[in-house]
């Protein structure tokens, strides 16, 4: 049952991300994954930053009620769909359950 929900969530993210990704020169694109500790959700944002301009962050989707093991599997599916960099926010000192690797080494300056 969780696999069906994961594929629906992945489809939603890709449907929202694809029209935003314009592949313009001198423009940086990446995905931010934010751990919302207050609402028990993982929020995905698509970030766009043209050279010498401000960054835009566009909400893509939220995953509610997921644990880290399910998120790790979901990110594997997402990485098969897109080559964009994924930035982790709010995951300081947390480890992936399957690989035991640190997710985010230190907090960002704006956290």
PDB file of N, CA and C in Angstrom:
ATOM      1  N   UNK A   1       0.816  -1.202   0.000  1.00  0.00           N
ATOM      2  CA  UNK A   1       0.000   0.000   0.000  1.00  0.00           C
ATOM      3  C   UNK A   1       0.857   1.263   0.000  1.00  0.00           C
ATOM      4  N   UNK A   2       1.963   1.247   0.750  1.00  0.00           N
ATOM      5  CA  UNK A   2       2.843   2.419   0.811  1.00  0.00           C
ATOM      6  C   UNK A   2       3.515   2.672  -0.531  1.00  0.00           C
ATOM      7  N   UNK A   3       3.786   1.599  -1.288  1.00  0.00           N
ATOM      8  CA  UNK A   3       4.426   1.762  -2.597  1.00  0.00           C
ATOM      9  C   UNK A   3       3.513   2.514  -3.562  1.00  0.00           C
ATOM     10  N   UNK A   4       2.208   2.259  -3.476  1.00  0.00           N
ATOM     11  CA  UNK A   4       1.252   2.960  -4.335  1.00  0.00           C
ATOM     12  C   UNK A   4       1.233   4.441  -3.988  1.00  0.00           C
ATOM     13  N   UNK A   5       1.248   4.760  -2.698  1.00  0.00           N
ATOM     14  CA  UNK A   5       1.267   6.160  -2.272  1.00  0.00           C
ATOM     15  C   UNK A   5       2.555   6.838  -2.720  1.00  0.00           C
ATOM     16  N   UNK A   6       3.679   6.110  -2.655  1.00  0.00           N
ATOM     17  CA  UNK A   6       4.959   6.687  -3.071  1.00  0.00           C
ATOM     18  C   UNK A   6       4.946   7.033  -4.555  1.00  0.00           C
ATOM     19  N   UNK A   7       4.383   6.144  -5.384  1.00  0.00           N
ATOM     20  CA  UNK A   7       4.366   6.421  -6.818  1.00  0.00           C
ATOM     21  C   UNK A   7       3.425   7.586  -7.130  1.00  0.00           C
ATOM     22  N   UNK A   8       2.333   7.729  -6.383  1.00  0.00           N
ATOM     23  CA  UNK A   8       1.433   8.872  -6.574  1.00  0.00           C
ATOM     24  C   UNK A   8       2.146  10.162  -6.196  1.00  0.00           C
ATOM     25  N   UNK A   9       2.866  10.147  -5.072  1.00  0.00           N
ATOM     26  CA  UNK A   9       3.612  11.326  -4.640  1.00  0.00           C
ATOM     27  C   UNK A   9       4.705  11.677  -5.638  1.00  0.00           C
ATOM     28  N   UNK A  10       5.386  10.678  -6.155  1.00  0.00           N
ATOM     29  CA  UNK A  10       6.437  10.909  -7.143  1.00  0.00           C
ATOM     30  C   UNK A  10       5.852  11.510  -8.421  1.00  0.00           C
ATOM     31  N   UNK A  11       4.700  11.020  -8.839  1.00  0.00           N
ATOM     32  CA  UNK A  11       4.044  11.536 -10.034  1.00  0.00           C
ATOM     33  C   UNK A  11       3.655  12.999  -9.839  1.00  0.00           C
ATOM     34  N   UNK A  12       3.142  13.344  -8.660  1.00  0.00           N
ATOM     35  CA  UNK A  12       2.763  14.725  -8.358  1.00  0.00           C
ATOM     36  C   UNK A  12       3.980  15.642  -8.438  1.00  0.00           C
ATOM     37  N   UNK A  13       5.082  15.225  -7.815  1.00  0.00           N
ATOM     38  CA  UNK A  13       6.300  16.037  -7.817  1.00  0.00           C
ATOM     39  C   UNK A  13       6.810  16.241  -9.234  1.00  0.00           C
ATOM     40  N   UNK A  14       6.869  15.178 -10.011  1.00  0.00           N
ATOM     41  CA  UNK A  14       7.396  15.283 -11.372  1.00  0.00           C
ATOM     42  C   UNK A  14       6.482  16.129 -12.270  1.00  0.00           C
ATOM     43  N   UNK A  15       5.159  16.039 -12.081  1.00  0.00           N
ATOM     44  CA  UNK A  15       4.233  16.849 -12.869  1.00  0.00           C
ATOM     45  C   UNK A  15       4.397  18.332 -12.565  1.00  0.00           C
ATOM     46  N   UNK A  16       4.715  18.658 -11.321  1.00  0.00           N
ATOM     47  CA  UNK A  16       4.902  20.057 -10.941  1.00  0.00           C
ATOM     48  C   UNK A  16       6.297  20.561 -11.290  1.00  0.00           C
ATOM     49  N   UNK A  17       7.290  19.694 -11.228  1.00  0.00           N
ATOM     50  CA  UNK A  17       8.673  20.083 -11.471  1.00  0.00           C
ATOM     51  C   UNK A  17       8.977  20.271 -12.960  1.00  0.00           C
ATOM     52  N   UNK A  18       8.471  19.406 -13.799  1.00  0.00           N
ATOM     53  CA  UNK A  18       8.821  19.395 -15.220  1.00  0.00           C
ATOM     54  C   UNK A  18       8.569  20.733 -15.920  1.00  0.00           C
ATOM     55  N   UNK A  19       7.408  21.382 -15.771  1.00  0.00           N
ATOM     56  CA  UNK A  19       7.225  22.661 -16.468  1.00  0.00           C
ATOM     57  C   UNK A  19       8.091  23.790 -15.905  1.00  0.00           C
ATOM     58  N   UNK A  20       8.555  23.671 -14.672  1.00  0.00           N
ATOM     59  CA  UNK A  20       9.381  24.716 -14.063  1.00  0.00           C
ATOM     60  C   UNK A  20      10.840  24.637 -14.501  1.00  0.00           C
ATOM     61  N   UNK A  21      11.283  23.451 -14.891  1.00  0.00           N
ATOM     62  CA  UNK A  21      12.679  23.237 -15.255  1.00  0.00           C
ATOM     63  C   UNK A  21      12.880  23.634 -16.715  1.00  0.00           C
ATOM     64  N   UNK A  22      13.317  24.873 -16.945  1.00  0.00           N
ATOM     65  CA  UNK A  22      13.425  25.444 -18.287  1.00  0.00           C
ATOM     66  C   UNK A  22      14.789  25.221 -18.943  1.00  0.00           C
ATOM     67  N   UNK A  23      15.792  24.800 -18.180  1.00  0.00           N
ATOM     68  CA  UNK A  23      17.155  24.573 -18.684  1.00  0.00           C
ATOM     69  C   UNK A  23      17.755  25.830 -19.313  1.00  0.00           C
ATOM     70  N   UNK A  24      17.580  26.951 -18.645  1.00  0.00           N
ATOM     71  CA  UNK A  24      18.146  28.209 -19.141  1.00  0.00           C
ATOM     72  C   UNK A  24      19.628  28.295 -18.775  1.00  0.00           C
ATOM     73  N   UNK A  25      20.388  28.952 -19.631  1.00  0.00           N
ATOM     74  CA  UNK A  25      21.816  29.149 -19.373  1.00  0.00           C
ATOM     75  C   UNK A  25      22.011  30.039 -18.152  1.00  0.00           C
ATOM     76  N   UNK A  26      23.097  29.801 -17.448  1.00  0.00           N
ATOM     77  CA  UNK A  26      23.469  30.592 -16.271  1.00  0.00           C
ATOM     78  C   UNK A  26      22.386  30.608 -15.197  1.00  0.00           C
ATOM     79  N   UNK A  27      21.647  29.539 -15.106  1.00  0.00           N
ATOM     80  CA  UNK A  27      20.606  29.403 -14.095  1.00  0.00           C
ATOM     81  C   UNK A  27      20.845  28.115 -13.322  1.00  0.00           C
ATOM     82  N   UNK A  28      20.765  28.225 -12.016  1.00  0.00           N
ATOM     83  CA  UNK A  28      20.974  27.070 -11.138  1.00  0.00           C
ATOM     84  C   UNK A  28      19.621  26.521 -10.711  1.00  0.00           C
ATOM     85  N   UNK A  29      19.456  25.199 -10.798  1.00  0.00           N
ATOM     86  CA  UNK A  29      18.219  24.519 -10.394  1.00  0.00           C
ATOM     87  C   UNK A  29      18.568  23.443  -9.368  1.00  0.00           C
ATOM     88  N   UNK A  30      17.752  23.307  -8.327  1.00  0.00           N
ATOM     89  CA  UNK A  30      17.937  22.225  -7.365  1.00  0.00           C
ATOM     90  C   UNK A  30      16.653  22.030  -6.562  1.00  0.00           C
ATOM     91  N   UNK A  31      16.585  20.898  -5.881  1.00  0.00           N
ATOM     92  CA  UNK A  31      15.437  20.550  -5.039  1.00  0.00           C
ATOM     93  C   UNK A  31      15.878  20.646  -3.588  1.00  0.00           C
ATOM     94  N   UNK A  32      15.051  21.272  -2.759  1.00  0.00           N
ATOM     95  CA  UNK A  32      15.286  21.296  -1.311  1.00  0.00           C
ATOM     96  C   UNK A  32      14.284  20.371  -0.646  1.00  0.00           C
ATOM     97  N   UNK A  33      14.786  19.563   0.255  1.00  0.00           N
ATOM     98  CA  UNK A  33      13.936  18.680   1.052  1.00  0.00           C
ATOM     99  C   UNK A  33      14.032  19.150   2.489  1.00  0.00           C
ATOM    100  N   UNK A  34      12.906  19.610   3.047  1.00  0.00           N
ATOM    101  CA  UNK A  34      12.882  20.212   4.372  1.00  0.00           C
ATOM    102  C   UNK A  34      12.150  19.287   5.335  1.00  0.00           C
ATOM    103  N   UNK A  35      12.796  19.006   6.457  1.00  0.00           N
ATOM    104  CA  UNK A  35      12.206  18.193   7.513  1.00  0.00           C
ATOM    105  C   UNK A  35      11.422  19.114   8.438  1.00  0.00           C
ATOM    106  N   UNK A  36      10.099  19.058   8.375  1.00  0.00           N
ATOM    107  CA  UNK A  36       9.240  19.853   9.241  1.00  0.00           C
ATOM    108  C   UNK A  36       9.002  19.078  10.528  1.00  0.00           C
ATOM    109  N   UNK A  37       9.723  19.397  11.567  1.00  0.00           N
ATOM    110  CA  UNK A  37       9.608  18.641  12.811  1.00  0.00           C
ATOM    111  C   UNK A  37       8.295  18.914  13.541  1.00  0.00           C
ATOM    112  N   UNK A  38       7.691  20.070  13.328  1.00  0.00           N
ATOM    113  CA  UNK A  38       6.463  20.416  14.041  1.00  0.00           C
ATOM    114  C   UNK A  38       5.236  19.719  13.473  1.00  0.00           C
ATOM    115  N   UNK A  39       5.230  19.433  12.185  1.00  0.00           N
ATOM    116  CA  UNK A  39       4.062  18.827  11.557  1.00  0.00           C
ATOM    117  C   UNK A  39       4.304  17.397  11.086  1.00  0.00           C
ATOM    118  N   UNK A  40       5.461  16.841  11.368  1.00  0.00           N
ATOM    119  CA  UNK A  40       5.813  15.481  10.940  1.00  0.00           C
ATOM    120  C   UNK A  40       5.631  15.302   9.434  1.00  0.00           C
ATOM    121  N   UNK A  41       6.229  16.200   8.680  1.00  0.00           N
ATOM    122  CA  UNK A  41       6.129  16.138   7.222  1.00  0.00           C
ATOM    123  C   UNK A  41       7.481  16.441   6.595  1.00  0.00           C
ATOM    124  N   UNK A  42       7.649  15.977   5.366  1.00  0.00           N
ATOM    125  CA  UNK A  42       8.807  16.304   4.557  1.00  0.00           C
ATOM    126  C   UNK A  42       8.303  17.142   3.392  1.00  0.00           C
ATOM    127  N   UNK A  43       8.842  18.342   3.243  1.00  0.00           N
ATOM    128  CA  UNK A  43       8.394  19.265   2.191  1.00  0.00           C
ATOM    129  C   UNK A  43       9.447  19.383   1.103  1.00  0.00           C
ATOM    130  N   UNK A  44       8.997  19.296  -0.145  1.00  0.00           N
ATOM    131  CA  UNK A  44       9.873  19.421  -1.306  1.00  0.00           C
ATOM    132  C   UNK A  44       9.656  20.783  -1.957  1.00  0.00           C
ATOM    133  N   UNK A  45      10.770  21.456  -2.278  1.00  0.00           N
ATOM    134  CA  UNK A  45      10.733  22.755  -2.944  1.00  0.00           C
ATOM    135  C   UNK A  45      11.633  22.697  -4.165  1.00  0.00           C
ATOM    136  N   UNK A  46      11.225  23.391  -5.235  1.00  0.00           N
ATOM    137  CA  UNK A  46      12.050  23.520  -6.429  1.00  0.00           C
ATOM    138  C   UNK A  46      12.648  24.915  -6.408  1.00  0.00           C
ATOM    139  N   UNK A  47      13.971  25.005  -6.485  1.00  0.00           N
ATOM    140  CA  UNK A  47      14.672  26.273  -6.392  1.00  0.00           C
ATOM    141  C   UNK A  47      15.260  26.653  -7.745  1.00  0.00           C
ATOM    142  N   UNK A  48      15.100  27.936  -8.082  1.00  0.00           N
ATOM    143  CA  UNK A  48      15.612  28.487  -9.328  1.00  0.00           C
ATOM    144  C   UNK A  48      16.400  29.745  -8.976  1.00  0.00           C
ATOM    145  N   UNK A  49      17.629  29.841  -9.490  1.00  0.00           N
ATOM    146  CA  UNK A  49      18.419  31.045  -9.257  1.00  0.00           C
ATOM    147  C   UNK A  49      19.201  31.425 -10.517  1.00  0.00           C
ATOM    148  N   UNK A  50      18.663  32.393 -11.282  1.00  0.00           N
ATOM    149  CA  UNK A  50      19.430  32.902 -12.415  1.00  0.00           C
ATOM    150  C   UNK A  50      20.659  33.656 -11.905  1.00  0.00           C
ATOM    151  N   UNK A  51      21.686  33.710 -12.729  1.00  0.00           N
ATOM    152  CA  UNK A  51      22.928  34.366 -12.335  1.00  0.00           C
ATOM    153  C   UNK A  51      22.667  35.824 -11.963  1.00  0.00           C
ATOM    154  N   UNK A  52      23.234  36.247 -10.830  1.00  0.00           N
ATOM    155  CA  UNK A  52      23.129  37.618 -10.316  1.00  0.00           C
ATOM    156  C   UNK A  52      21.696  38.038 -10.004  1.00  0.00           C
ATOM    157  N   UNK A  53      20.836  37.078  -9.693  1.00  0.00           N
ATOM    158  CA  UNK A  53      19.464  37.388  -9.310  1.00  0.00           C
ATOM    159  C   UNK A  53      19.104  36.623  -8.051  1.00  0.00           C
ATOM    160  N   UNK A  54      17.987  36.971  -7.471  1.00  0.00           N
ATOM    161  CA  UNK A  54      17.532  36.299  -6.258  1.00  0.00           C
ATOM    162  C   UNK A  54      17.000  34.904  -6.559  1.00  0.00           C
ATOM    163  N   UNK A  55      17.093  34.083  -5.553  1.00  0.00           N
ATOM    164  CA  UNK A  55      16.599  32.707  -5.646  1.00  0.00           C
ATOM    165  C   UNK A  55      15.084  32.683  -5.487  1.00  0.00           C
ATOM    166  N   UNK A  56      14.428  31.838  -6.265  1.00  0.00           N
ATOM    167  CA  UNK A  56      12.990  31.578  -6.103  1.00  0.00           C
ATOM    168  C   UNK A  56      12.829  30.160  -5.600  1.00  0.00           C
ATOM    169  N   UNK A  57      11.969  29.980  -4.633  1.00  0.00           N
ATOM    170  CA  UNK A  57      11.699  28.658  -4.089  1.00  0.00           C
ATOM    171  C   UNK A  57      10.209  28.383  -4.246  1.00  0.00           C
ATOM    172  N   UNK A  58       9.893  27.328  -4.985  1.00  0.00           N
ATOM    173  CA  UNK A  58       8.506  27.006  -5.315  1.00  0.00           C
ATOM    174  C   UNK A  58       8.132  25.686  -4.651  1.00  0.00           C
ATOM    175  N   UNK A  59       7.080  25.674  -3.808  1.00  0.00           N
ATOM    176  CA  UNK A  59       6.669  24.421  -3.165  1.00  0.00           C
ATOM    177  C   UNK A  59       6.196  23.399  -4.198  1.00  0.00           C
ATOM    178  N   UNK A  60       6.665  22.162  -4.033  1.00  0.00           N
ATOM    179  CA  UNK A  60       6.263  21.085  -4.941  1.00  0.00           C
ATOM    180  C   UNK A  60       5.246  20.148  -4.302  1.00  0.00           C
ATOM    181  N   UNK A  61       5.576  19.656  -3.098  1.00  0.00           N
ATOM    182  CA  UNK A  61       4.724  18.639  -2.482  1.00  0.00           C
ATOM    183  C   UNK A  61       5.166  18.399  -1.040  1.00  0.00           C
ATOM    184  N   UNK A  62       4.269  17.865  -0.231  1.00  0.00           N
ATOM    185  CA  UNK A  62       4.581  17.470   1.149  1.00  0.00           C
ATOM    186  C   UNK A  62       4.258  16.002   1.347  1.00  0.00           C
ATOM    187  N   UNK A  63       5.139  15.306   2.045  1.00  0.00           N
ATOM    188  CA  UNK A  63       4.898  13.907   2.407  1.00  0.00           C
ATOM    189  C   UNK A  63       4.579  13.868   3.896  1.00  0.00           C
ATOM    190  N   UNK A  64       3.393  13.411   4.231  1.00  0.00           N
ATOM    191  CA  UNK A  64       2.970  13.352   5.635  1.00  0.00           C
ATOM    192  C   UNK A  64       3.027  11.920   6.148  1.00  0.00           C
ATOM    193  N   UNK A  65       3.431  11.766   7.389  1.00  0.00           N
ATOM    194  CA  UNK A  65       3.417  10.454   8.024  1.00  0.00           C
ATOM    195  C   UNK A  65       4.468   9.491   7.514  1.00  0.00           C
ATOM    196  N   UNK A  66       5.500   9.978   6.853  1.00  0.00           N
ATOM    197  CA  UNK A  66       6.565   9.114   6.362  1.00  0.00           C
ATOM    198  C   UNK A  66       7.667   9.031   7.402  1.00  0.00           C
ATOM    199  N   UNK A  67       8.325   7.915   7.439  1.00  0.00           N
ATOM    200  CA  UNK A  67       9.507   7.792   8.294  1.00  0.00           C
ATOM    201  C   UNK A  67      10.751   7.832   7.401  1.00  0.00           C
ATOM    202  N   UNK A  68      11.918   7.842   8.014  1.00  0.00           N
ATOM    203  CA  UNK A  68      13.159   7.975   7.256  1.00  0.00           C
ATOM    204  C   UNK A  68      13.399   6.807   6.306  1.00  0.00           C
ATOM    205  N   UNK A  69      13.018   5.602   6.697  1.00  0.00           N
ATOM    206  CA  UNK A  69      13.222   4.448   5.819  1.00  0.00           C
ATOM    207  C   UNK A  69      12.396   4.596   4.539  1.00  0.00           C
ATOM    208  N   UNK A  70      11.148   5.024   4.671  1.00  0.00           N
ATOM    209  CA  UNK A  70      10.307   5.227   3.493  1.00  0.00           C
ATOM    210  C   UNK A  70      10.810   6.400   2.662  1.00  0.00           C
ATOM    211  N   UNK A  71      11.310   7.450   3.334  1.00  0.00           N
ATOM    212  CA  UNK A  71      11.856   8.599   2.617  1.00  0.00           C
ATOM    213  C   UNK A  71      13.096   8.200   1.816  1.00  0.00           C
ATOM    214  N   UNK A  72      13.925   7.337   2.379  1.00  0.00           N
ATOM    215  CA  UNK A  72      15.124   6.880   1.682  1.00  0.00           C
ATOM    216  C   UNK A  72      14.756   6.136   0.394  1.00  0.00           C
ATOM    217  N   UNK A  73      13.742   5.303   0.464  1.00  0.00           N
ATOM    218  CA  UNK A  73      13.270   4.582  -0.732  1.00  0.00           C
ATOM    219  C   UNK A  73      12.676   5.565  -1.733  1.00  0.00           C
ATOM    220  N   UNK A  74      11.897   6.512  -1.238  1.00  0.00           N
ATOM    221  CA  UNK A  74      11.272   7.511  -2.109  1.00  0.00           C
ATOM    222  C   UNK A  74      12.324   8.343  -2.845  1.00  0.00           C
ATOM    223  N   UNK A  75      13.379   8.746  -2.143  1.00  0.00           N
ATOM    224  CA  UNK A  75      14.433   9.533  -2.776  1.00  0.00           C
ATOM    225  C   UNK A  75      15.165   8.727  -3.846  1.00  0.00           C
ATOM    226  N   UNK A  76      15.297   7.437  -3.641  1.00  0.00           N
ATOM    227  CA  UNK A  76      15.877   6.579  -4.671  1.00  0.00           C
ATOM    228  C   UNK A  76      15.040   6.609  -5.941  1.00  0.00           C
ATOM    229  N   UNK A  77      13.724   6.572  -5.783  1.00  0.00           N
ATOM    230  CA  UNK A  77      12.823   6.654  -6.943  1.00  0.00           C
ATOM    231  C   UNK A  77      12.902   8.031  -7.598  1.00  0.00           C
ATOM    232  N   UNK A  78      12.979   9.081  -6.791  1.00  0.00           N
ATOM    233  CA  UNK A  78      13.057  10.442  -7.322  1.00  0.00           C
ATOM    234  C   UNK A  78      14.362  10.649  -8.084  1.00  0.00           C
ATOM    235  N   UNK A  79      15.455  10.119  -7.573  1.00  0.00           N
ATOM    236  CA  UNK A  79      16.751  10.280  -8.234  1.00  0.00           C
ATOM    237  C   UNK A  79      16.804   9.544  -9.571  1.00  0.00           C
ATOM    238  N   UNK A  80      15.986   8.503  -9.731  1.00  0.00           N
ATOM    239  CA  UNK A  80      15.910   7.823 -11.026  1.00  0.00           C
ATOM    240  C   UNK A  80      15.185   8.688 -12.053  1.00  0.00           C
ATOM    241  N   UNK A  81      14.315   9.592 -11.586  1.00  0.00           N
ATOM    242  CA  UNK A  81      13.530  10.446 -12.474  1.00  0.00           C
ATOM    243  C   UNK A  81      14.239  11.742 -12.842  1.00  0.00           C
ATOM    244  N   UNK A  82      15.095  12.251 -11.954  1.00  0.00           N
ATOM    245  CA  UNK A  82      15.744  13.539 -12.195  1.00  0.00           C
ATOM    246  C   UNK A  82      17.190  13.517 -11.717  1.00  0.00           C
ATOM    247  N   UNK A  83      18.026  14.285 -12.380  1.00  0.00           N
ATOM    248  CA  UNK A  83      19.438  14.389 -12.016  1.00  0.00           C
ATOM    249  C   UNK A  83      19.709  15.637 -11.179  1.00  0.00           C
ATOM    250  N   UNK A  84      18.678  16.346 -10.756  1.00  0.00           N
ATOM    251  CA  UNK A  84      18.864  17.569  -9.982  1.00  0.00           C
ATOM    252  C   UNK A  84      19.468  17.271  -8.612  1.00  0.00           C
ATOM    253  N   UNK A  85      20.256  18.212  -8.111  1.00  0.00           N
ATOM    254  CA  UNK A  85      20.824  18.105  -6.768  1.00  0.00           C
ATOM    255  C   UNK A  85      19.699  18.211  -5.746  1.00  0.00           C
ATOM    256  N   UNK A  86      19.794  17.428  -4.689  1.00  0.00           N
ATOM    257  CA  UNK A  86      18.819  17.492  -3.601  1.00  0.00           C
ATOM    258  C   UNK A  86      19.540  18.020  -2.370  1.00  0.00           C
ATOM    259  N   UNK A  87      19.052  19.154  -1.860  1.00  0.00           N
ATOM    260  CA  UNK A  87      19.617  19.796  -0.679  1.00  0.00           C
ATOM    261  C   UNK A  87      18.742  19.423   0.523  1.00  0.00           C
ATOM    262  N   UNK A  88      19.364  19.014   1.613  1.00  0.00           N
ATOM    263  CA  UNK A  88      18.632  18.606   2.808  1.00  0.00           C
ATOM    264  C   UNK A  88      18.670  19.719   3.848  1.00  0.00           C
ATOM    265  N   UNK A  89      17.511  20.040   4.422  1.00  0.00           N
ATOM    266  CA  UNK A  89      17.399  21.087   5.432  1.00  0.00           C
ATOM    267  C   UNK A  89      16.640  20.500   6.627  1.00  0.00           C
ATOM    268  N   UNK A  90      17.210  20.648   7.812  1.00  0.00           N
ATOM    269  CA  UNK A  90      16.553  20.168   9.027  1.00  0.00           C
ATOM    270  C   UNK A  90      16.839  18.713   9.350  1.00  0.00           C
ATOM    271  N   UNK A  91      17.879  18.146   8.768  1.00  0.00           N
ATOM    272  CA  UNK A  91      18.236  16.750   9.000  1.00  0.00           C
ATOM    273  C   UNK A  91      19.580  16.623   9.723  1.00  0.00           C
ATOM    274  N   UNK A  92      19.978  17.634  10.505  1.00  0.00           N
ATOM    275  CA  UNK A  92      21.283  17.621  11.159  1.00  0.00           C
ATOM    276  C   UNK A  92      21.432  16.389  12.043  1.00  0.00           C
ATOM    277  N   UNK A  93      22.583  15.756  11.937  1.00  0.00           N
ATOM    278  CA  UNK A  93      22.970  14.605  12.765  1.00  0.00           C
ATOM    279  C   UNK A  93      22.023  13.414  12.658  1.00  0.00           C
ATOM    280  N   UNK A  94      21.186  13.371  11.635  1.00  0.00           N
ATOM    281  CA  UNK A  94      20.320  12.218  11.409  1.00  0.00           C
ATOM    282  C   UNK A  94      21.004  11.291  10.412  1.00  0.00           C
ATOM    283  N   UNK A  95      20.688   9.998  10.474  1.00  0.00           N
ATOM    284  CA  UNK A  95      21.300   9.003   9.594  1.00  0.00           C
ATOM    285  C   UNK A  95      20.219   8.236   8.840  1.00  0.00           C
ATOM    286  N   UNK A  96      20.578   7.828   7.604  1.00  0.00           N
ATOM    287  CA  UNK A  96      19.676   6.985   6.821  1.00  0.00           C
ATOM    288  C   UNK A  96      19.618   5.611   7.461  1.00  0.00           C
ATOM    289  N   UNK A  97      18.443   5.020   7.603  1.00  0.00           N
ATOM    290  CA  UNK A  97      18.317   3.709   8.256  1.00  0.00           C
ATOM    291  C   UNK A  97      19.034   2.569   7.537  1.00  0.00           C
ATOM    292  N   UNK A  98      18.992   2.517   6.214  1.00  0.00           N
ATOM    293  CA  UNK A  98      19.575   1.393   5.485  1.00  0.00           C
ATOM    294  C   UNK A  98      21.092   1.490   5.372  1.00  0.00           C
ATOM    295  N   UNK A  99      21.614   2.675   5.082  1.00  0.00           N
ATOM    296  CA  UNK A  99      23.054   2.812   4.841  1.00  0.00           C
ATOM    297  C   UNK A  99      23.822   3.357   6.031  1.00  0.00           C
ATOM    298  N   UNK A 100      23.122   3.893   7.018  1.00  0.00           N
ATOM    299  CA  UNK A 100      23.709   4.482   8.221  1.00  0.00           C
ATOM    300  C   UNK A 100      24.592   5.693   7.893  1.00  0.00           C
ATOM    301  N   UNK A 101      24.379   6.326   6.746  1.00  0.00           N
ATOM    302  CA  UNK A 101      25.135   7.522   6.371  1.00  0.00           C
ATOM    303  C   UNK A 101      24.451   8.752   6.943  1.00  0.00           C
ATOM    304  N   UNK A 102      25.258   9.749   7.309  1.00  0.00           N
ATOM    305  CA  UNK A 102      24.724  11.011   7.818  1.00  0.00           C
ATOM    306  C   UNK A 102      23.991  11.722   6.680  1.00  0.00           C
ATOM    307  N   UNK A 103      22.801  12.233   6.967  1.00  0.00           N
ATOM    308  CA  UNK A 103      21.997  12.909   5.945  1.00  0.00           C
ATOM    309  C   UNK A 103      22.505  14.328   5.721  1.00  0.00           C
ATOM    310  N   UNK A 104      22.631  15.095   6.800  1.00  0.00           N
ATOM    311  CA  UNK A 104      23.102  16.478   6.723  1.00  0.00           C
ATOM    312  C   UNK A 104      24.138  16.673   7.810  1.00  0.00           C
ATOM    313  N   UNK A 105      25.346  17.006   7.440  1.00  0.00           N
ATOM    314  CA  UNK A 105      26.446  17.097   8.397  1.00  0.00           C
ATOM    315  C   UNK A 105      26.299  18.239   9.387  1.00  0.00           C
ATOM    316  N   UNK A 106      25.976  19.423   8.922  1.00  0.00           N
ATOM    317  CA  UNK A 106      25.843  20.572   9.821  1.00  0.00           C
ATOM    318  C   UNK A 106      24.699  21.456   9.346  1.00  0.00           C
ATOM    319  N   UNK A 107      24.208  22.262  10.271  1.00  0.00           N
ATOM    320  CA  UNK A 107      23.102  23.162   9.944  1.00  0.00           C
ATOM    321  C   UNK A 107      23.582  24.241   8.992  1.00  0.00           C
ATOM    322  N   UNK A 108      22.704  24.679   8.110  1.00  0.00           N
ATOM    323  CA  UNK A 108      23.022  25.788   7.234  1.00  0.00           C
ATOM    324  C   UNK A 108      23.023  27.073   8.039  1.00  0.00           C
ATOM    325  N   UNK A 109      23.590  28.118   7.513  1.00  0.00           N
ATOM    326  CA  UNK A 109      23.669  29.384   8.225  1.00  0.00           C
ATOM    327  C   UNK A 109      22.297  30.009   8.465  1.00  0.00           C
ATOM    328  N   UNK A 110      21.336  29.749   7.599  1.00  0.00           N
ATOM    329  CA  UNK A 110      20.014  30.341   7.751  1.00  0.00           C
ATOM    330  C   UNK A 110      19.044  29.468   8.547  1.00  0.00           C
ATOM    331  N   UNK A 111      19.498  28.360   9.098  1.00  0.00           N
ATOM    332  CA  UNK A 111      18.616  27.504   9.887  1.00  0.00           C
ATOM    333  C   UNK A 111      18.626  27.947  11.328  1.00  0.00           C
TER     334      UNK A 111
END
